[in-house]
Amino acid sequence: MKHLWKPIACIELLVALVCPGFSQAWGPVGHETVAYIAQDRLSPSTLKKVQAIIGREDDLASVANWADQIRLSQPETAPWHFIDLPIRQDIQTGDVQNFCPNNDCVINQIQISKGVLTDDTKSQSEKFRALRFIVHFVGDLHQPLHSADDGDRGGNDKLVRFQKKK
């Protein structure tokens, strides 16, 4: 299971080329692929800590899409998946907080979840929730449109045409 991300990524690319109308630019397979790559690069001690949280039978890819699955039942989490940085303006590192009101952006939510994982007073269920958010949000950060504001909800409303089709 550990090295399945390569064939999955190849299948996704093939589907996107053959059936562009049915493919998604960044959906479940994209998140799972990022999670497989991340897990392959974990140190043995970090992998042991991850398995203590999610269980030995599961892997990071199995939890990679959870944060998208809960958005309807927990709508307050919707803005956590991206940060709207203006694309036509110079921004300094310290300015990023101006674009993350109330910690409602992917950058701050990763930091918050990291804090939960390193806090020995947090419960196993709190750590499991935090880990699932981190896995998903790191995948979101690898979707470039999730960090640029063009009035398109982190790229989710971006209109793309391919061979004159929307």
Protein backbone atom coordinates (compact mmCIF):
# COMPACT_ATOMS: atom_id res chain seq x y z
CA MET A 1 0.00 0.00 0.00
CA LYS A 2 2.92 2.28 0.76
CA HIS A 3 4.02 2.79 -2.86
CA LEU A 4 0.63 2.93 -4.56
CA TRP A 5 0.76 6.70 -5.06
CA LYS A 6 2.80 6.35 -8.26
CA PRO A 7 0.29 4.15 -10.13
CA ILE A 8 -2.60 6.21 -8.76
CA ALA A 9 -0.99 9.41 -10.02
CA CYS A 10 -0.44 7.81 -13.45
CA ILE A 11 -4.07 6.69 -13.61
CA GLU A 12 -5.28 10.16 -12.64
CA LEU A 13 -3.12 11.73 -15.36
CA LEU A 14 -4.42 9.24 -17.94
CA VAL A 15 -8.04 9.95 -16.97
CA ALA A 16 -7.42 13.70 -17.15
CA LEU A 17 -5.95 13.39 -20.65
CA VAL A 18 -8.54 10.99 -22.04
CA CYS A 19 -11.65 12.37 -20.29
CA PRO A 20 -10.96 15.97 -19.31
CA GLY A 21 -14.65 16.67 -18.74
CA PHE A 22 -14.81 14.01 -16.02
CA SER A 23 -11.58 14.78 -14.21
CA GLN A 24 -11.07 17.05 -11.25
CA ALA A 25 -8.05 19.29 -11.01
CA TRP A 26 -7.58 18.64 -7.30
CA GLY A 27 -9.85 16.12 -5.68
CA PRO A 28 -9.54 13.01 -3.54
CA VAL A 29 -6.83 11.36 -5.63
CA GLY A 30 -4.68 14.50 -5.49
CA HIS A 31 -4.92 14.58 -1.71
CA GLU A 32 -4.21 10.86 -1.42
CA THR A 33 -1.18 11.20 -3.70
CA VAL A 34 0.30 13.99 -1.57
CA ALA A 35 -0.34 11.85 1.54
CA TYR A 36 1.40 8.81 0.01
CA ILE A 37 4.42 10.94 -0.91
CA ALA A 38 4.51 12.45 2.59
CA GLN A 39 4.25 9.07 4.30
CA ASP A 40 7.08 7.66 2.17
CA ARG A 41 9.28 10.44 3.50
CA LEU A 42 8.49 10.12 7.21
CA SER A 43 11.29 9.07 9.51
CA PRO A 44 10.70 5.73 11.26
CA SER A 45 10.11 7.48 14.60
CA THR A 46 7.59 9.92 13.10
CA LEU A 47 5.82 7.08 11.27
CA LYS A 48 5.52 5.25 14.59
CA LYS A 49 3.89 8.33 16.16
CA VAL A 50 1.50 8.67 13.21
CA GLN A 51 0.52 5.01 13.46
CA ALA A 52 -0.11 5.44 17.18
CA ILE A 53 -2.69 8.08 16.28
CA ILE A 54 -4.36 6.57 13.19
CA GLY A 55 -3.70 2.89 13.79
CA ARG A 56 -1.32 0.47 12.14
CA GLU A 57 -3.89 -0.69 9.57
CA ASP A 58 -4.44 2.78 8.11
CA ASP A 59 -2.12 5.20 6.37
CA LEU A 60 -2.08 8.95 5.73
CA ALA A 61 -3.89 8.54 2.40
CA SER A 62 -6.85 6.92 4.17
CA VAL A 63 -7.44 10.14 6.13
CA ALA A 64 -6.42 12.65 3.46
CA ASN A 65 -9.95 13.56 2.34
CA TRP A 66 -11.68 13.66 5.71
CA ALA A 67 -11.49 17.47 5.95
CA ASP A 68 -13.42 17.83 2.68
CA GLN A 69 -15.96 15.25 3.78
CA ILE A 70 -16.88 17.17 6.94
CA ARG A 71 -17.27 20.61 5.35
CA LEU A 72 -21.05 20.33 4.97
CA SER A 73 -21.61 19.28 8.56
CA GLN A 74 -18.94 21.67 9.89
CA PRO A 75 -19.16 24.72 7.59
CA GLU A 76 -16.93 26.77 9.88
CA THR A 77 -14.01 24.72 8.49
CA ALA A 78 -14.58 25.78 4.85
CA PRO A 79 -12.24 28.82 4.88
CA TRP A 80 -9.51 26.75 6.53
CA HIS A 81 -8.65 25.08 3.20
CA PHE A 82 -7.02 28.10 1.55
CA ILE A 83 -5.66 31.59 2.05
CA ASP A 84 -6.60 34.47 -0.23
CA LEU A 85 -3.37 36.31 -0.97
CA PRO A 86 -3.83 39.04 -3.59
CA ILE A 87 -2.15 38.03 -6.84
CA ARG A 88 -1.45 41.56 -8.03
CA GLN A 89 0.25 42.93 -4.93
CA ASP A 90 3.62 42.43 -3.22
CA ILE A 91 3.22 40.73 0.14
CA GLN A 92 5.84 40.35 2.85
CA THR A 93 5.90 37.31 5.13
CA GLY A 94 4.65 39.33 8.09
CA ASP A 95 1.68 40.58 6.07
CA VAL A 96 0.18 37.10 5.69
CA GLN A 97 -1.72 37.46 8.98
CA ASN A 98 -3.68 40.34 7.42
CA PHE A 99 -5.25 37.80 5.08
CA CYS A 100 -6.14 35.29 7.78
CA PRO A 101 -8.82 36.86 9.98
CA ASN A 102 -9.80 34.81 13.04
CA ASN A 103 -7.28 32.11 12.06
CA ASP A 104 -9.61 31.17 9.18
CA CYS A 105 -6.96 30.11 6.67
CA VAL A 106 -4.89 27.07 5.85
CA ILE A 107 -1.60 28.45 7.21
CA ASN A 108 -2.90 29.20 10.70
CA GLN A 109 -4.95 26.01 10.87
CA ILE A 110 -1.85 23.94 10.16
CA GLN A 111 -0.09 25.71 13.03
CA ILE A 112 -3.07 25.18 15.34
CA SER A 113 -3.24 21.47 14.44
CA LYS A 114 0.51 21.12 14.92
CA GLY A 115 0.08 22.59 18.40
CA VAL A 116 -2.56 19.99 19.22
CA LEU A 117 -0.29 17.16 18.07
CA THR A 118 2.59 18.34 20.26
CA ASP A 119 0.45 19.00 23.34
CA ASP A 120 0.63 16.07 25.76
CA THR A 121 -2.59 17.21 27.47
CA LYS A 122 -4.67 16.67 24.30
CA SER A 123 -6.73 13.50 23.93
CA GLN A 124 -6.18 10.82 21.31
CA SER A 125 -9.33 11.92 19.45
CA GLU A 126 -8.16 15.57 19.41
CA LYS A 127 -4.81 14.46 18.00
CA PHE A 128 -6.51 12.27 15.39
CA ARG A 129 -8.64 15.22 14.26
CA ALA A 130 -5.57 17.49 14.11
CA LEU A 131 -3.56 14.96 12.11
CA ARG A 132 -6.36 14.53 9.57
CA PHE A 133 -6.53 18.30 9.14
CA ILE A 134 -2.77 18.61 8.67
CA VAL A 135 -2.65 15.84 6.07
CA HIS A 136 -5.46 17.45 4.11
CA PHE A 137 -4.24 21.03 4.44
CA VAL A 138 -0.73 20.17 3.28
CA GLY A 139 -2.41 18.76 0.19
CA ASP A 140 -4.42 21.96 -0.16
CA LEU A 141 -1.22 24.02 -0.05
CA HIS A 142 0.07 21.97 -2.98
CA GLN A 143 -2.88 23.24 -5.01
CA PRO A 144 -1.45 26.62 -6.12
CA LEU A 145 -4.81 28.32 -6.56
CA HIS A 146 -5.58 27.74 -2.88
CA SER A 147 -3.16 30.49 -1.94
CA ALA A 148 -3.95 33.18 -4.49
CA ASP A 149 -6.96 35.47 -4.47
CA ASP A 150 -8.50 36.23 -7.80
CA GLY A 151 -12.05 36.44 -6.45
CA ASP A 152 -12.45 32.71 -7.07
CA ARG A 153 -12.68 31.06 -3.61
CA GLY A 154 -9.15 29.65 -3.61
CA GLY A 155 -9.40 28.63 -7.26
CA ASN A 156 -12.59 26.63 -6.71
CA ASP A 157 -14.60 28.99 -8.93
CA LYS A 158 -11.93 29.37 -11.62
CA LEU A 159 -13.44 28.86 -15.06
CA VAL A 160 -11.20 26.73 -17.25
CA ARG A 161 -11.74 25.94 -20.91
CA PHE A 162 -10.25 22.99 -22.73
CA GLN A 163 -10.91 22.54 -26.42
CA LYS A 164 -13.55 25.27 -26.23
CA LYS A 165 -15.45 23.44 -23.47
CA LYS A 166 -15.92 24.64 -19.90
